[in-house]
Amino acid sequence: NKTPASYALRYAAGLDGVLAVLSGMSTPEQLE
């Protein structure tokens, strides 16, 4: 029941040494 986007973002942000993970957000729904 978790969204595909959340998995992808958590995969990237969970790596060591990461300062920020960029997301090109186009809608308020994506932002939320």
All heavy atoms as atom14 arrays in JSON, in Angstrom:
{
  "sequence": "NKTPASYALRYAAGLDGVLAVLSGMSTPEQLE",
  "atom14_mask": [
    [1, 1, 1, 1, 1, 1, 1, 1, 0, 0, 0, 0, 0, 0],
    [1, 1, 1, 1, 1, 1, 1, 1, 1, 0, 0, 0, 0, 0],
    [1, 1, 1, 1, 1, 1, 1, 0, 0, 0, 0, 0, 0, 0],
    [1, 1, 1, 1, 1, 1, 1, 0, 0, 0, 0, 0, 0, 0],
    [1, 1, 1, 1, 1, 0, 0, 0, 0, 0, 0, 0, 0, 0],
    [1, 1, 1, 1, 1, 1, 0, 0, 0, 0, 0, 0, 0, 0],
    [1, 1, 1, 1, 1, 1, 1, 1, 1, 1, 1, 1, 0, 0],
    [1, 1, 1, 1, 1, 0, 0, 0, 0, 0, 0, 0, 0, 0],
    [1, 1, 1, 1, 1, 1, 1, 1, 0, 0, 0, 0, 0, 0],
    [1, 1, 1, 1, 1, 1, 1, 1, 1, 1, 1, 0, 0, 0],
    [1, 1, 1, 1, 1, 1, 1, 1, 1, 1, 1, 1, 0, 0],
    [1, 1, 1, 1, 1, 0, 0, 0, 0, 0, 0, 0, 0, 0],
    [1, 1, 1, 1, 1, 0, 0, 0, 0, 0, 0, 0, 0, 0],
    [1, 1, 1, 1, 0, 0, 0, 0, 0, 0, 0, 0, 0, 0],
    [1, 1, 1, 1, 1, 1, 1, 1, 0, 0, 0, 0, 0, 0],
    [1, 1, 1, 1, 1, 1, 1, 1, 0, 0, 0, 0, 0, 0],
    [1, 1, 1, 1, 0, 0, 0, 0, 0, 0, 0, 0, 0, 0],
    [1, 1, 1, 1, 1, 1, 1, 0, 0, 0, 0, 0, 0, 0],
    [1, 1, 1, 1, 1, 1, 1, 1, 0, 0, 0, 0, 0, 0],
    [1, 1, 1, 1, 1, 0, 0, 0, 0, 0, 0, 0, 0, 0],
    [1, 1, 1, 1, 1, 1, 1, 0, 0, 0, 0, 0, 0, 0],
    [1, 1, 1, 1, 1, 1, 1, 1, 0, 0, 0, 0, 0, 0],
    [1, 1, 1, 1, 1, 1, 0, 0, 0, 0, 0, 0, 0, 0],
    [1, 1, 1, 1, 0, 0, 0, 0, 0, 0, 0, 0, 0, 0],
    [1, 1, 1, 1, 1, 1, 1, 1, 0, 0, 0, 0, 0, 0],
    [1, 1, 1, 1, 1, 1, 0, 0, 0, 0, 0, 0, 0, 0],
    [1, 1, 1, 1, 1, 1, 1, 0, 0, 0, 0, 0, 0, 0],
    [1, 1, 1, 1, 1, 1, 1, 0, 0, 0, 0, 0, 0, 0],
    [1, 1, 1, 1, 1, 1, 1, 1, 1, 0, 0, 0, 0, 0],
    [1, 1, 1, 1, 1, 1, 1, 1, 1, 0, 0, 0, 0, 0],
    [1, 1, 1, 1, 1, 1, 1, 1, 0, 0, 0, 0, 0, 0],
    [1, 1, 1, 1, 1, 1, 1, 1, 1, 0, 0, 0, 0, 0]
  ],
  "atom14_positions": [
    [[0.8, -1.22, 0.0], [0.0, 0.0, 0.0], [0.84, 1.27, 0.0], [0.31, 2.37, 0.15], [-0.96, 0.02, 1.2], [-0.21, -0.04, 2.54], [1.02, -0.06, 2.57], [-0.96, -0.08, 3.63], [0.0, 0.0, 0.0], [0.0, 0.0, 0.0], [0.0, 0.0, 0.0], [0.0, 0.0, 0.0], [0.0, 0.0, 0.0], [0.0, 0.0, 0.0]],
    [[2.16, 1.14, -0.17], [3.03, 2.32, -0.24], [3.24, 2.7, -1.7], [3.28, 1.85, -2.57], [4.35, 2.05, 0.46], [4.2, 1.82, 1.96], [5.52, 1.54, 2.63], [5.33, 1.29, 4.12], [6.6, 0.93, 4.79], [0.0, 0.0, 0.0], [0.0, 0.0, 0.0], [0.0, 0.0, 0.0], [0.0, 0.0, 0.0], [0.0, 0.0, 0.0]],
    [[3.38, 3.98, -1.95], [3.45, 4.45, -3.34], [4.81, 4.15, -3.97], [5.84, 4.13, -3.27], [3.2, 5.96, -3.42], [4.28, 6.65, -2.78], [1.87, 6.33, -2.75], [0.0, 0.0, 0.0], [0.0, 0.0, 0.0], [0.0, 0.0, 0.0], [0.0, 0.0, 0.0], [0.0, 0.0, 0.0], [0.0, 0.0, 0.0], [0.0, 0.0, 0.0]],
    [[4.83, 3.94, -5.29], [6.1, 3.72, -5.98], [7.08, 4.89, -5.8], [8.28, 4.67, -5.66], [5.68, 3.57, -7.44], [4.27, 3.09, -7.39], [3.67, 3.77, -6.19], [0.0, 0.0, 0.0], [0.0, 0.0, 0.0], [0.0, 0.0, 0.0], [0.0, 0.0, 0.0], [0.0, 0.0, 0.0], [0.0, 0.0, 0.0], [0.0, 0.0, 0.0]],
    [[6.57, 6.11, -5.8], [7.45, 7.28, -5.65], [8.13, 7.27, -4.28], [9.31, 7.6, -4.16], [6.66, 8.56, -5.84], [0.0, 0.0, 0.0], [0.0, 0.0, 0.0], [0.0, 0.0, 0.0], [0.0, 0.0, 0.0], [0.0, 0.0, 0.0], [0.0, 0.0, 0.0], [0.0, 0.0, 0.0], [0.0, 0.0, 0.0], [0.0, 0.0, 0.0]],
    [[7.38, 6.9, -3.25], [7.96, 6.91, -1.9], [9.09, 5.89, -1.8], [10.12, 6.13, -1.16], [6.88, 6.64, -0.85], [6.42, 5.3, -0.9], [0.0, 0.0, 0.0], [0.0, 0.0, 0.0], [0.0, 0.0, 0.0], [0.0, 0.0, 0.0], [0.0, 0.0, 0.0], [0.0, 0.0, 0.0], [0.0, 0.0, 0.0], [0.0, 0.0, 0.0]],
    [[8.91, 4.73, -2.43], [9.98, 3.73, -2.43], [11.22, 4.27, -3.12], [12.35, 4.11, -2.64], [9.5, 2.46, -3.13], [9.04, 1.36, -2.19], [7.74, 1.35, -1.69], [9.89, 0.34, -1.8], [7.3, 0.35, -0.83], [9.48, -0.68, -0.94], [8.18, -0.66, -0.47], [7.76, -1.66, 0.38], [0.0, 0.0, 0.0], [0.0, 0.0, 0.0]],
    [[11.04, 4.89, -4.29], [12.18, 5.4, -5.05], [12.93, 6.48, -4.28], [14.17, 6.5, -4.25], [11.7, 5.93, -6.4], [0.0, 0.0, 0.0], [0.0, 0.0, 0.0], [0.0, 0.0, 0.0], [0.0, 0.0, 0.0], [0.0, 0.0, 0.0], [0.0, 0.0, 0.0], [0.0, 0.0, 0.0], [0.0, 0.0, 0.0], [0.0, 0.0, 0.0]],
    [[12.19, 7.39, -3.67], [12.82, 8.48, -2.91], [13.54, 7.95, -1.68], [14.65, 8.4, -1.35], [11.77, 9.51, -2.52], [11.2, 10.34, -3.67], [9.98, 11.13, -3.2], [12.25, 11.29, -4.23], [0.0, 0.0, 0.0], [0.0, 0.0, 0.0], [0.0, 0.0, 0.0], [0.0, 0.0, 0.0], [0.0, 0.0, 0.0], [0.0, 0.0, 0.0]],
    [[12.94, 7.01, -0.99], [13.58, 6.45, 0.21], [14.82, 5.66, -0.15], [15.81, 5.65, 0.61], [12.58, 5.6, 0.98], [11.47, 6.41, 1.66], [10.4, 5.52, 2.24], [10.93, 4.62, 3.26], [10.4, 3.44, 3.56], [9.35, 2.99, 2.89], [10.94, 2.7, 4.51], [0.0, 0.0, 0.0], [0.0, 0.0, 0.0], [0.0, 0.0, 0.0]],
    [[14.78, 4.99, -1.3], [15.97, 4.26, -1.76], [17.14, 5.24, -1.93], [18.24, 4.99, -1.44], [15.68, 3.56, -3.08], [16.86, 2.84, -3.67], [17.12, 1.51, -3.34], [17.73, 3.48, -4.55], [18.21, 0.83, -3.88], [18.83, 2.82, -5.09], [19.06, 1.49, -4.75], [20.15, 0.85, -5.28], [0.0, 0.0, 0.0], [0.0, 0.0, 0.0]],
    [[16.89, 6.34, -2.61], [17.95, 7.32, -2.89], [18.42, 8.01, -1.62], [19.62, 8.13, -1.35], [17.46, 8.34, -3.91], [0.0, 0.0, 0.0], [0.0, 0.0, 0.0], [0.0, 0.0, 0.0], [0.0, 0.0, 0.0], [0.0, 0.0, 0.0], [0.0, 0.0, 0.0], [0.0, 0.0, 0.0], [0.0, 0.0, 0.0], [0.0, 0.0, 0.0]],
    [[17.47, 8.47, -0.82], [17.82, 9.24, 0.38], [18.47, 8.4, 1.45], [19.15, 8.92, 2.35], [16.56, 9.92, 0.94], [0.0, 0.0, 0.0], [0.0, 0.0, 0.0], [0.0, 0.0, 0.0], [0.0, 0.0, 0.0], [0.0, 0.0, 0.0], [0.0, 0.0, 0.0], [0.0, 0.0, 0.0], [0.0, 0.0, 0.0], [0.0, 0.0, 0.0]],
    [[18.3, 7.07, 1.38], [18.87, 6.2, 2.38], [20.35, 5.89, 2.19], [20.98, 5.29, 3.06], [0.0, 0.0, 0.0], [0.0, 0.0, 0.0], [0.0, 0.0, 0.0], [0.0, 0.0, 0.0], [0.0, 0.0, 0.0], [0.0, 0.0, 0.0], [0.0, 0.0, 0.0], [0.0, 0.0, 0.0], [0.0, 0.0, 0.0], [0.0, 0.0, 0.0]],
    [[20.92, 6.33, 1.08], [22.33, 6.1, 0.83], [23.18, 7.03, 1.69], [22.81, 8.19, 1.94], [22.65, 6.33, -0.65], [21.99, 5.36, -1.64], [22.15, 5.88, -3.06], [22.59, 3.97, -1.52], [0.0, 0.0, 0.0], [0.0, 0.0, 0.0], [0.0, 0.0, 0.0], [0.0, 0.0, 0.0], [0.0, 0.0, 0.0], [0.0, 0.0, 0.0]],
    [[24.33, 6.56, 2.13], [25.23, 7.38, 2.92], [25.8, 8.53, 2.09], [26.04, 8.39, 0.89], [26.39, 6.53, 3.45], [25.95, 5.52, 4.48], [24.89, 5.73, 5.11], [26.65, 4.5, 4.65], [0.0, 0.0, 0.0], [0.0, 0.0, 0.0], [0.0, 0.0, 0.0], [0.0, 0.0, 0.0], [0.0, 0.0, 0.0], [0.0, 0.0, 0.0]],
    [[26.04, 9.65, 2.73], [26.68, 10.78, 2.08], [25.78, 11.66, 1.26], [26.24, 12.57, 0.56], [0.0, 0.0, 0.0], [0.0, 0.0, 0.0], [0.0, 0.0, 0.0], [0.0, 0.0, 0.0], [0.0, 0.0, 0.0], [0.0, 0.0, 0.0], [0.0, 0.0, 0.0], [0.0, 0.0, 0.0], [0.0, 0.0, 0.0], [0.0, 0.0, 0.0]],
    [[24.46, 11.42, 1.34], [23.52, 12.19, 0.52], [23.12, 13.48, 1.23], [22.63, 13.46, 2.36], [22.27, 11.35, 0.19], [21.2, 12.2, -0.49], [22.65, 10.18, -0.71], [0.0, 0.0, 0.0], [0.0, 0.0, 0.0], [0.0, 0.0, 0.0], [0.0, 0.0, 0.0], [0.0, 0.0, 0.0], [0.0, 0.0, 0.0], [0.0, 0.0, 0.0]],
    [[23.33, 14.58, 0.55], [22.97, 15.89, 1.07], [21.51, 16.21, 0.81], [20.78, 16.67, 1.7], [23.86, 16.96, 0.4], [23.52, 18.43, 0.62], [23.58, 18.78, 2.09], [24.49, 19.3, -0.17], [0.0, 0.0, 0.0], [0.0, 0.0, 0.0], [0.0, 0.0, 0.0], [0.0, 0.0, 0.0], [0.0, 0.0, 0.0], [0.0, 0.0, 0.0]],
    [[21.04, 15.95, -0.41], [19.65, 16.22, -0.76], [19.24, 15.34, -1.94], [20.07, 14.94, -2.75], [19.45, 17.69, -1.12], [0.0, 0.0, 0.0], [0.0, 0.0, 0.0], [0.0, 0.0, 0.0], [0.0, 0.0, 0.0], [0.0, 0.0, 0.0], [0.0, 0.0, 0.0], [0.0, 0.0, 0.0], [0.0, 0.0, 0.0], [0.0, 0.0, 0.0]],
    [[17.95, 15.05, -2.01], [17.36, 14.3, -3.11], [16.38, 15.21, -3.82], [15.4, 15.68, -3.22], [16.63, 13.03, -2.6], [15.95, 12.31, -3.76], [17.61, 12.1, -1.9], [0.0, 0.0, 0.0], [0.0, 0.0, 0.0], [0.0, 0.0, 0.0], [0.0, 0.0, 0.0], [0.0, 0.0, 0.0], [0.0, 0.0, 0.0], [0.0, 0.0, 0.0]],
    [[16.63, 15.5, -5.08], [15.81, 16.43, -5.84], [14.57, 15.74, -6.4], [14.65, 14.63, -6.91], [16.6, 17.04, -6.99], [17.83, 17.86, -6.62], [18.54, 18.33, -7.87], [17.45, 19.04, -5.74], [0.0, 0.0, 0.0], [0.0, 0.0, 0.0], [0.0, 0.0, 0.0], [0.0, 0.0, 0.0], [0.0, 0.0, 0.0], [0.0, 0.0, 0.0]],
    [[13.45, 16.43, -6.31], [12.22, 15.94, -6.93], [11.61, 17.09, -7.72], [11.37, 18.18, -7.16], [11.24, 15.45, -5.86], [10.03, 15.03, -6.45], [0.0, 0.0, 0.0], [0.0, 0.0, 0.0], [0.0, 0.0, 0.0], [0.0, 0.0, 0.0], [0.0, 0.0, 0.0], [0.0, 0.0, 0.0], [0.0, 0.0, 0.0], [0.0, 0.0, 0.0]],
    [[11.37, 16.86, -9.02], [10.74, 17.88, -9.85], [9.23, 17.8, -9.7], [8.56, 17.12, -10.48], [0.0, 0.0, 0.0], [0.0, 0.0, 0.0], [0.0, 0.0, 0.0], [0.0, 0.0, 0.0], [0.0, 0.0, 0.0], [0.0, 0.0, 0.0], [0.0, 0.0, 0.0], [0.0, 0.0, 0.0], [0.0, 0.0, 0.0], [0.0, 0.0, 0.0]],
    [[8.7, 18.48, -8.72], [7.28, 18.35, -8.36], [6.41, 19.26, -9.22], [6.65, 20.46, -9.3], [7.11, 18.63, -6.87], [7.81, 17.59, -6.0], [7.87, 17.99, -4.24], [9.34, 19.03, -4.16], [0.0, 0.0, 0.0], [0.0, 0.0, 0.0], [0.0, 0.0, 0.0], [0.0, 0.0, 0.0], [0.0, 0.0, 0.0], [0.0, 0.0, 0.0]],
    [[5.39, 18.67, -9.84], [4.53, 19.4, -10.77], [3.15, 19.7, -10.22], [2.43, 20.51, -10.79], [4.38, 18.6, -12.08], [5.63, 18.29, -12.63], [0.0, 0.0, 0.0], [0.0, 0.0, 0.0], [0.0, 0.0, 0.0], [0.0, 0.0, 0.0], [0.0, 0.0, 0.0], [0.0, 0.0, 0.0], [0.0, 0.0, 0.0], [0.0, 0.0, 0.0]],
    [[2.76, 19.02, -9.14], [1.42, 19.2, -8.59], [1.48, 19.26, -7.07], [2.4, 18.7, -6.46], [0.49, 18.04, -8.99], [0.94, 16.84, -8.33], [0.46, 17.84, -10.49], [0.0, 0.0, 0.0], [0.0, 0.0, 0.0], [0.0, 0.0, 0.0], [0.0, 0.0, 0.0], [0.0, 0.0, 0.0], [0.0, 0.0, 0.0], [0.0, 0.0, 0.0]],
    [[0.49, 19.88, -6.44], [0.43, 19.88, -4.97], [0.35, 18.47, -4.41], [0.88, 18.2, -3.33], [-0.84, 20.68, -4.67], [-1.04, 21.55, -5.86], [-0.56, 20.75, -7.03], [0.0, 0.0, 0.0], [0.0, 0.0, 0.0], [0.0, 0.0, 0.0], [0.0, 0.0, 0.0], [0.0, 0.0, 0.0], [0.0, 0.0, 0.0], [0.0, 0.0, 0.0]],
    [[-0.29, 17.56, -5.14], [-0.41, 16.19, -4.67], [0.96, 15.51, -4.59], [1.25, 14.79, -3.62], [-1.34, 15.39, -5.6], [-2.8, 15.81, -5.55], [-3.09, 17.12, -6.3], [-2.27, 17.52, -7.15], [-4.14, 17.73, -6.01], [0.0, 0.0, 0.0], [0.0, 0.0, 0.0], [0.0, 0.0, 0.0], [0.0, 0.0, 0.0], [0.0, 0.0, 0.0]],
    [[1.8, 15.73, -5.61], [3.15, 15.18, -5.57], [3.93, 15.76, -4.4], [4.67, 15.04, -3.7], [3.88, 15.48, -6.89], [3.33, 14.74, -8.09], [3.97, 15.18, -9.39], [4.79, 16.1, -9.42], [3.58, 14.55, -10.5], [0.0, 0.0, 0.0], [0.0, 0.0, 0.0], [0.0, 0.0, 0.0], [0.0, 0.0, 0.0], [0.0, 0.0, 0.0]],
    [[3.78, 17.05, -4.19], [4.47, 17.71, -3.08], [4.06, 17.11, -1.75], [4.91, 16.79, -0.91], [4.16, 19.21, -3.11], [4.67, 20.03, -1.92], [6.19, 19.99, -1.83], [4.17, 21.47, -2.0], [0.0, 0.0, 0.0], [0.0, 0.0, 0.0], [0.0, 0.0, 0.0], [0.0, 0.0, 0.0], [0.0, 0.0, 0.0], [0.0, 0.0, 0.0]],
    [[2.76, 16.95, -1.54], [2.28, 16.41, -0.27], [2.77, 14.98, -0.06], [3.13, 14.6, 1.06], [0.75, 16.47, -0.21], [0.18, 17.87, -0.1], [0.67, 18.63, 1.14], [0.94, 17.98, 2.18], [0.79, 19.86, 1.06], [0.0, 0.0, 0.0], [0.0, 0.0, 0.0], [0.0, 0.0, 0.0], [0.0, 0.0, 0.0], [0.0, 0.0, 0.0]]
  ]
}
